[in-house]
Structures are given as structure tokens and as C-alpha cells.
Amino acid sequence: MQADTSGGQQLLKSINRMALVRHLCAHPGLSRADLATDIGLTKSTITSLVRELIAEGWLMESTVVATGDLGRRPTPLFISPDHLLLLGAEVGIDGVRVVATTLTGEVCARAVSGFGASRSAKACIGVLATVLAKVRAQLDASQQIIGIGVGLPGGVDEERGVLHFAPQPRLA
């Protein structure tokens, strides 16, 4: 009986993809060869991952830079500046703040709203959903949200995914 290794290979590929993206966030403009050296992957693996990440909108190529060296010029790679976005929400005691950012941290849109008189958990979640929708409406239809992070004031039981303590008791 042969063990199924496809899950492990997919995990390794995901880890390598994110290592490549993180490295380009920190060091924009590197070539495929530079990435292979820096990350420790083969050039063919980097080429394959870069091809996928460009097709998915994570990366973009820039114009080739003349280096004065002989041979094919390296093509600088960059994180795509505005196609893939992240949303960040802060649920505070009095209201909600939401921002949309590029993968490199530039803010593209933002919105804020207070909770008003009703501070039940259900009402607060409704306000959060409304503010998230407001921010989404500020973005272009071509922009894709790939992740949302929500900060809550208080302690969260991570196993159960439940806010079990908050400074505003009606939020808990």
C-alpha cells in the first residue's frame, strides 16, 4: 500500500509560495534567479511558482533592466500593487473601523461607524457587516479581497472561537 503524499506536496507548495511572496514584499524587484538563491529553491521551482502567482494576480513583472552583463536580462518581480487586498477591522467599545490594504500595506479604502444606542452582540455584528460592505463598495470590481482580520477588545477563547471577556459586557 502506497501512502498519499499529495496533501504534503500541496502544503509544501503553499509554504513555498508564501515564502516567495513574503520575500518579495521585503525585497521588491528581485529576479527569479535572485529569489532562487535567497529562498533556497531551484530555479525551475521558482519559475513555476512565479508563473502561477502572476496568473493569480499576486505578482507582476516589471520592464527588464539593462545591467551591462551579457546574456538574458533579469526581469524584476513585484507584488501586484492593487489587485489583491486585505481587510482589517477593529471592533472597539464605541464602534468599528475597517481598512482595505494592498499586500504591501497601502490603504486603499476605509470606513468608521459607531454602534449607537444598541450594543448587543447581534447589533455590533450588524454594524461590522455594514462597515465591511461600505469599504468593499469603495473598491474597484477588479480588486479581490483575499483575507479579513478582525480585532476584538478582550479575551477570545481560540479553541471555541468565542469572545468570553470584553470591557463592554454586552459585547461578550
C-alpha atoms as a PDB file:
ATOM      1  CA  MET A   1       0.000   0.000   0.000  1.00  0.00           C
ATOM      2  CA  GLN A   2       1.361   3.404  -1.030  1.00  0.00           C
ATOM      3  CA  ALA A   3       0.959   6.465   1.192  1.00  0.00           C
ATOM      4  CA  ASP A   4      -0.852   9.500  -0.269  1.00  0.00           C
ATOM      5  CA  THR A   5       1.705  12.304  -0.422  1.00  0.00           C
ATOM      6  CA  SER A   6      -0.362  14.783  -2.439  1.00  0.00           C
ATOM      7  CA  GLY A   7      -1.531  16.604   0.718  1.00  0.00           C
ATOM      8  CA  GLY A   8       2.047  17.025   1.912  1.00  0.00           C
ATOM      9  CA  GLN A   9       3.169  18.227  -1.505  1.00  0.00           C
ATOM     10  CA  GLN A  10       0.342  20.781  -1.644  1.00  0.00           C
ATOM     11  CA  LEU A  11       1.265  22.052   1.831  1.00  0.00           C
ATOM     12  CA  LEU A  12       4.921  22.390   0.822  1.00  0.00           C
ATOM     13  CA  LYS A  13       3.922  24.226  -2.358  1.00  0.00           C
ATOM     14  CA  SER A  14       1.731  26.639  -0.343  1.00  0.00           C
ATOM     15  CA  ILE A  15       4.576  27.272   2.108  1.00  0.00           C
ATOM     16  CA  ASN A  16       6.994  27.950  -0.766  1.00  0.00           C
ATOM     17  CA  ARG A  17       4.508  30.287  -2.485  1.00  0.00           C
ATOM     18  CA  MET A  18       4.042  32.351   0.665  1.00  0.00           C
ATOM     19  CA  ALA A  19       7.796  32.390   1.338  1.00  0.00           C
ATOM     20  CA  LEU A  20       8.278  33.815  -2.142  1.00  0.00           C
ATOM     21  CA  VAL A  21       5.536  36.453  -1.639  1.00  0.00           C
ATOM     22  CA  ARG A  22       6.888  37.453   1.791  1.00  0.00           C
ATOM     23  CA  HIS A  23      10.404  37.744   0.399  1.00  0.00           C
ATOM     24  CA  LEU A  24       9.241  39.974  -2.459  1.00  0.00           C
ATOM     25  CA  CYS A  25       7.300  42.150  -0.002  1.00  0.00           C
ATOM     26  CA  ALA A  26      10.541  42.725   1.893  1.00  0.00           C
ATOM     27  CA  HIS A  27      12.802  42.864  -1.194  1.00  0.00           C
ATOM     28  CA  PRO A  28      10.856  44.124  -4.232  1.00  0.00           C
ATOM     29  CA  GLY A  29      12.405  43.947  -7.671  1.00  0.00           C
ATOM     30  CA  LEU A  30      14.292  40.675  -7.342  1.00  0.00           C
ATOM     31  CA  SER A  31      14.667  38.392 -10.335  1.00  0.00           C
ATOM     32  CA  ARG A  32      13.732  34.715 -10.421  1.00  0.00           C
ATOM     33  CA  ALA A  33      17.408  33.787 -10.077  1.00  0.00           C
ATOM     34  CA  ASP A  34      17.813  36.076  -7.061  1.00  0.00           C
ATOM     35  CA  LEU A  35      14.715  34.536  -5.450  1.00  0.00           C
ATOM     36  CA  ALA A  36      16.040  31.014  -6.028  1.00  0.00           C
ATOM     37  CA  THR A  37      19.295  31.927  -4.307  1.00  0.00           C
ATOM     38  CA  ASP A  38      17.695  33.847  -1.446  1.00  0.00           C
ATOM     39  CA  ILE A  39      14.922  31.358  -0.659  1.00  0.00           C
ATOM     40  CA  GLY A  40      16.917  28.220  -1.391  1.00  0.00           C
ATOM     41  CA  LEU A  41      14.655  26.716  -4.036  1.00  0.00           C
ATOM     42  CA  THR A  42      15.586  25.541  -7.516  1.00  0.00           C
ATOM     43  CA  LYS A  43      15.241  27.958 -10.417  1.00  0.00           C
ATOM     44  CA  SER A  44      12.655  25.698 -12.040  1.00  0.00           C
ATOM     45  CA  THR A  45      10.558  25.648  -8.842  1.00  0.00           C
ATOM     46  CA  ILE A  46      10.737  29.446  -8.588  1.00  0.00           C
ATOM     47  CA  THR A  47       9.801  29.800 -12.266  1.00  0.00           C
ATOM     48  CA  SER A  48       6.780  27.542 -11.803  1.00  0.00           C
ATOM     49  CA  LEU A  49       5.625  29.325  -8.636  1.00  0.00           C
ATOM     50  CA  VAL A  50       6.135  32.781 -10.170  1.00  0.00           C
ATOM     51  CA  ARG A  51       4.132  31.762 -13.252  1.00  0.00           C
ATOM     52  CA  GLU A  52       1.216  30.695 -11.021  1.00  0.00           C
ATOM     53  CA  LEU A  53       1.425  33.782  -8.807  1.00  0.00           C
ATOM     54  CA  ILE A  54       1.425  36.110 -11.825  1.00  0.00           C
ATOM     55  CA  ALA A  55      -1.596  34.312 -13.309  1.00  0.00           C
ATOM     56  CA  GLU A  56      -3.449  34.640  -9.970  1.00  0.00           C
ATOM     57  CA  GLY A  57      -2.645  38.356  -9.626  1.00  0.00           C
ATOM     58  CA  TRP A  58      -0.208  38.142  -6.705  1.00  0.00           C
ATOM     59  CA  LEU A  59       2.876  39.235  -8.682  1.00  0.00           C
ATOM     60  CA  MET A  60       3.749  41.326 -11.694  1.00  0.00           C
ATOM     61  CA  GLU A  61       6.822  41.664 -13.850  1.00  0.00           C
ATOM     62  CA  SER A  62       8.445  44.996 -14.498  1.00  0.00           C
ATOM     63  CA  THR A  63      10.404  46.095 -17.533  1.00  0.00           C
ATOM     64  CA  VAL A  64      13.766  44.433 -17.964  1.00  0.00           C
ATOM     65  CA  VAL A  65      16.664  46.381 -16.501  1.00  0.00           C
ATOM     66  CA  ALA A  66      19.851  46.746 -18.537  1.00  0.00           C
ATOM     67  CA  THR A  67      22.714  45.527 -16.358  1.00  0.00           C
ATOM     68  CA  GLY A  68      25.600  45.695 -18.820  1.00  0.00           C
ATOM     69  CA  ASP A  69      26.130  41.938 -18.425  1.00  0.00           C
ATOM     70  CA  LEU A  70      25.953  39.544 -21.344  1.00  0.00           C
ATOM     71  CA  GLY A  71      23.029  37.193 -21.748  1.00  0.00           C
ATOM     72  CA  ARG A  72      19.374  37.430 -20.937  1.00  0.00           C
ATOM     73  CA  ARG A  73      18.474  40.328 -18.662  1.00  0.00           C
ATOM     74  CA  PRO A  74      16.796  39.550 -15.329  1.00  0.00           C
ATOM     75  CA  THR A  75      13.136  40.524 -15.066  1.00  0.00           C
ATOM     76  CA  PRO A  76      12.329  42.285 -11.786  1.00  0.00           C
ATOM     77  CA  LEU A  77       9.305  40.933  -9.920  1.00  0.00           C
ATOM     78  CA  PHE A  78       6.999  42.916  -7.649  1.00  0.00           C
ATOM     79  CA  ILE A  79       3.927  42.322  -5.550  1.00  0.00           C
ATOM     80  CA  SER A  80       0.909  43.348  -7.620  1.00  0.00           C
ATOM     81  CA  PRO A  81       0.074  46.799  -6.257  1.00  0.00           C
ATOM     82  CA  ASP A  82      -3.690  46.813  -6.236  1.00  0.00           C
ATOM     83  CA  HIS A  83      -5.363  43.606  -7.386  1.00  0.00           C
ATOM     84  CA  LEU A  84      -5.362  41.531  -4.191  1.00  0.00           C
ATOM     85  CA  LEU A  85      -6.452  43.200  -0.963  1.00  0.00           C
ATOM     86  CA  LEU A  86      -6.771  42.506   2.737  1.00  0.00           C
ATOM     87  CA  LEU A  87      -9.452  43.869   5.056  1.00  0.00           C
ATOM     88  CA  GLY A  88      -8.724  44.722   8.654  1.00  0.00           C
ATOM     89  CA  ALA A  89     -11.487  45.501  11.146  1.00  0.00           C
ATOM     90  CA  GLU A  90     -11.187  46.818  14.673  1.00  0.00           C
ATOM     91  CA  VAL A  91     -14.257  46.325  16.831  1.00  0.00           C
ATOM     92  CA  GLY A  92     -13.917  48.832  19.637  1.00  0.00           C
ATOM     93  CA  ILE A  93     -16.040  49.715  22.626  1.00  0.00           C
ATOM     94  CA  ASP A  94     -17.878  52.505  20.783  1.00  0.00           C
ATOM     95  CA  GLY A  95     -17.702  51.439  17.138  1.00  0.00           C
ATOM     96  CA  VAL A  96     -15.973  49.755  14.224  1.00  0.00           C
ATOM     97  CA  ARG A  97     -13.083  50.817  11.972  1.00  0.00           C
ATOM     98  CA  VAL A  98     -12.306  48.970   8.743  1.00  0.00           C
ATOM     99  CA  VAL A  99      -9.481  49.429   6.240  1.00  0.00           C
ATOM    100  CA  ALA A 100      -8.651  47.756   2.935  1.00  0.00           C
ATOM    101  CA  THR A 101      -4.937  47.461   2.177  1.00  0.00           C
ATOM    102  CA  THR A 102      -2.761  46.134  -0.580  1.00  0.00           C
ATOM    103  CA  LEU A 103      -0.482  43.204   0.174  1.00  0.00           C
ATOM    104  CA  THR A 104       2.274  45.726   0.804  1.00  0.00           C
ATOM    105  CA  GLY A 105       0.216  47.704   3.323  1.00  0.00           C
ATOM    106  CA  GLU A 106      -1.011  50.746   1.394  1.00  0.00           C
ATOM    107  CA  VAL A 107      -4.510  51.762   2.499  1.00  0.00           C
ATOM    108  CA  CYS A 108      -6.991  51.749  -0.396  1.00  0.00           C
ATOM    109  CA  ALA A 109     -10.236  52.416   1.460  1.00  0.00           C
ATOM    110  CA  ARG A 110     -11.529  52.973   4.974  1.00  0.00           C
ATOM    111  CA  ALA A 111     -14.755  53.481   6.894  1.00  0.00           C
ATOM    112  CA  VAL A 112     -15.784  54.062  10.512  1.00  0.00           C
ATOM    113  CA  SER A 113     -19.123  53.718  12.281  1.00  0.00           C
ATOM    114  CA  GLY A 114     -20.320  53.992  15.857  1.00  0.00           C
ATOM    115  CA  PHE A 115     -22.581  51.431  17.493  1.00  0.00           C
ATOM    116  CA  GLY A 116     -25.187  53.962  18.557  1.00  0.00           C
ATOM    117  CA  ALA A 117     -27.614  53.114  21.348  1.00  0.00           C
ATOM    118  CA  SER A 118     -27.837  49.385  20.708  1.00  0.00           C
ATOM    119  CA  ARG A 119     -24.748  47.494  21.834  1.00  0.00           C
ATOM    120  CA  SER A 120     -25.964  43.923  21.796  1.00  0.00           C
ATOM    121  CA  ALA A 121     -23.642  41.415  20.152  1.00  0.00           C
ATOM    122  CA  LYS A 122     -26.087  40.993  17.263  1.00  0.00           C
ATOM    123  CA  ALA A 123     -26.289  44.773  16.675  1.00  0.00           C
ATOM    124  CA  CYS A 124     -22.480  45.098  16.823  1.00  0.00           C
ATOM    125  CA  ILE A 125     -22.069  42.312  14.251  1.00  0.00           C
ATOM    126  CA  GLY A 126     -24.611  44.095  12.048  1.00  0.00           C
ATOM    127  CA  VAL A 127     -22.618  47.328  12.227  1.00  0.00           C
ATOM    128  CA  LEU A 128     -19.411  45.419  11.431  1.00  0.00           C
ATOM    129  CA  ALA A 129     -21.054  43.816   8.372  1.00  0.00           C
ATOM    130  CA  THR A 130     -22.337  47.208   7.192  1.00  0.00           C
ATOM    131  CA  VAL A 131     -18.914  48.865   7.533  1.00  0.00           C
ATOM    132  CA  LEU A 132     -17.200  45.959   5.741  1.00  0.00           C
ATOM    133  CA  ALA A 133     -19.728  46.365   2.891  1.00  0.00           C
ATOM    134  CA  LYS A 134     -19.062  50.158   2.792  1.00  0.00           C
ATOM    135  CA  VAL A 135     -15.348  49.545   2.368  1.00  0.00           C
ATOM    136  CA  ARG A 136     -15.967  46.920  -0.319  1.00  0.00           C
ATOM    137  CA  ALA A 137     -18.163  49.408  -2.190  1.00  0.00           C
ATOM    138  CA  GLN A 138     -15.222  51.869  -2.309  1.00  0.00           C
ATOM    139  CA  LEU A 139     -13.073  49.341  -4.192  1.00  0.00           C
ATOM    140  CA  ASP A 140     -12.940  48.535  -7.895  1.00  0.00           C
ATOM    141  CA  ALA A 141     -14.798  45.449  -9.077  1.00  0.00           C
ATOM    142  CA  SER A 142     -11.457  44.032 -10.323  1.00  0.00           C
ATOM    143  CA  GLN A 143      -9.963  44.096  -6.826  1.00  0.00           C
ATOM    144  CA  GLN A 144     -10.193  40.823  -4.935  1.00  0.00           C
ATOM    145  CA  ILE A 145     -10.305  40.516  -1.155  1.00  0.00           C
ATOM    146  CA  ILE A 146      -8.244  37.520  -0.082  1.00  0.00           C
ATOM    147  CA  GLY A 147      -8.428  37.833   3.688  1.00  0.00           C
ATOM    148  CA  ILE A 148     -10.164  39.540   6.587  1.00  0.00           C
ATOM    149  CA  GLY A 149      -8.779  40.064  10.072  1.00  0.00           C
ATOM    150  CA  VAL A 150     -10.951  41.224  12.974  1.00  0.00           C
ATOM    151  CA  GLY A 151      -9.616  42.610  16.242  1.00  0.00           C
ATOM    152  CA  LEU A 152     -11.853  42.412  19.318  1.00  0.00           C
ATOM    153  CA  PRO A 153     -11.453  44.206  22.656  1.00  0.00           C
ATOM    154  CA  GLY A 154     -10.998  41.489  25.214  1.00  0.00           C
ATOM    155  CA  GLY A 155     -10.207  37.830  25.579  1.00  0.00           C
ATOM    156  CA  VAL A 156     -11.072  35.260  22.937  1.00  0.00           C
ATOM    157  CA  ASP A 157     -11.286  31.515  23.505  1.00  0.00           C
ATOM    158  CA  GLU A 158      -9.377  30.466  20.377  1.00  0.00           C
ATOM    159  CA  GLU A 159     -10.445  26.816  20.563  1.00  0.00           C
ATOM    160  CA  ARG A 160     -14.132  27.689  20.522  1.00  0.00           C
ATOM    161  CA  GLY A 161     -13.792  30.964  18.603  1.00  0.00           C
ATOM    162  CA  VAL A 162     -15.784  32.834  21.245  1.00  0.00           C
ATOM    163  CA  LEU A 163     -15.215  36.238  22.821  1.00  0.00           C
ATOM    164  CA  HIS A 164     -15.515  35.403  26.519  1.00  0.00           C
ATOM    165  CA  PHE A 165     -14.451  38.695  28.082  1.00  0.00           C
ATOM    166  CA  ALA A 166     -14.849  42.261  26.850  1.00  0.00           C
ATOM    167  CA  PRO A 167     -14.608  45.672  28.532  1.00  0.00           C
ATOM    168  CA  GLN A 168     -18.177  46.346  27.327  1.00  0.00           C
ATOM    169  CA  PRO A 169     -20.161  43.471  28.951  1.00  0.00           C
ATOM    170  CA  ARG A 170     -22.921  43.440  26.349  1.00  0.00           C
ATOM    171  CA  LEU A 171     -20.373  42.550  23.637  1.00  0.00           C
ATOM    172  CA  ALA A 172     -19.400  39.331  25.380  1.00  0.00           C
END
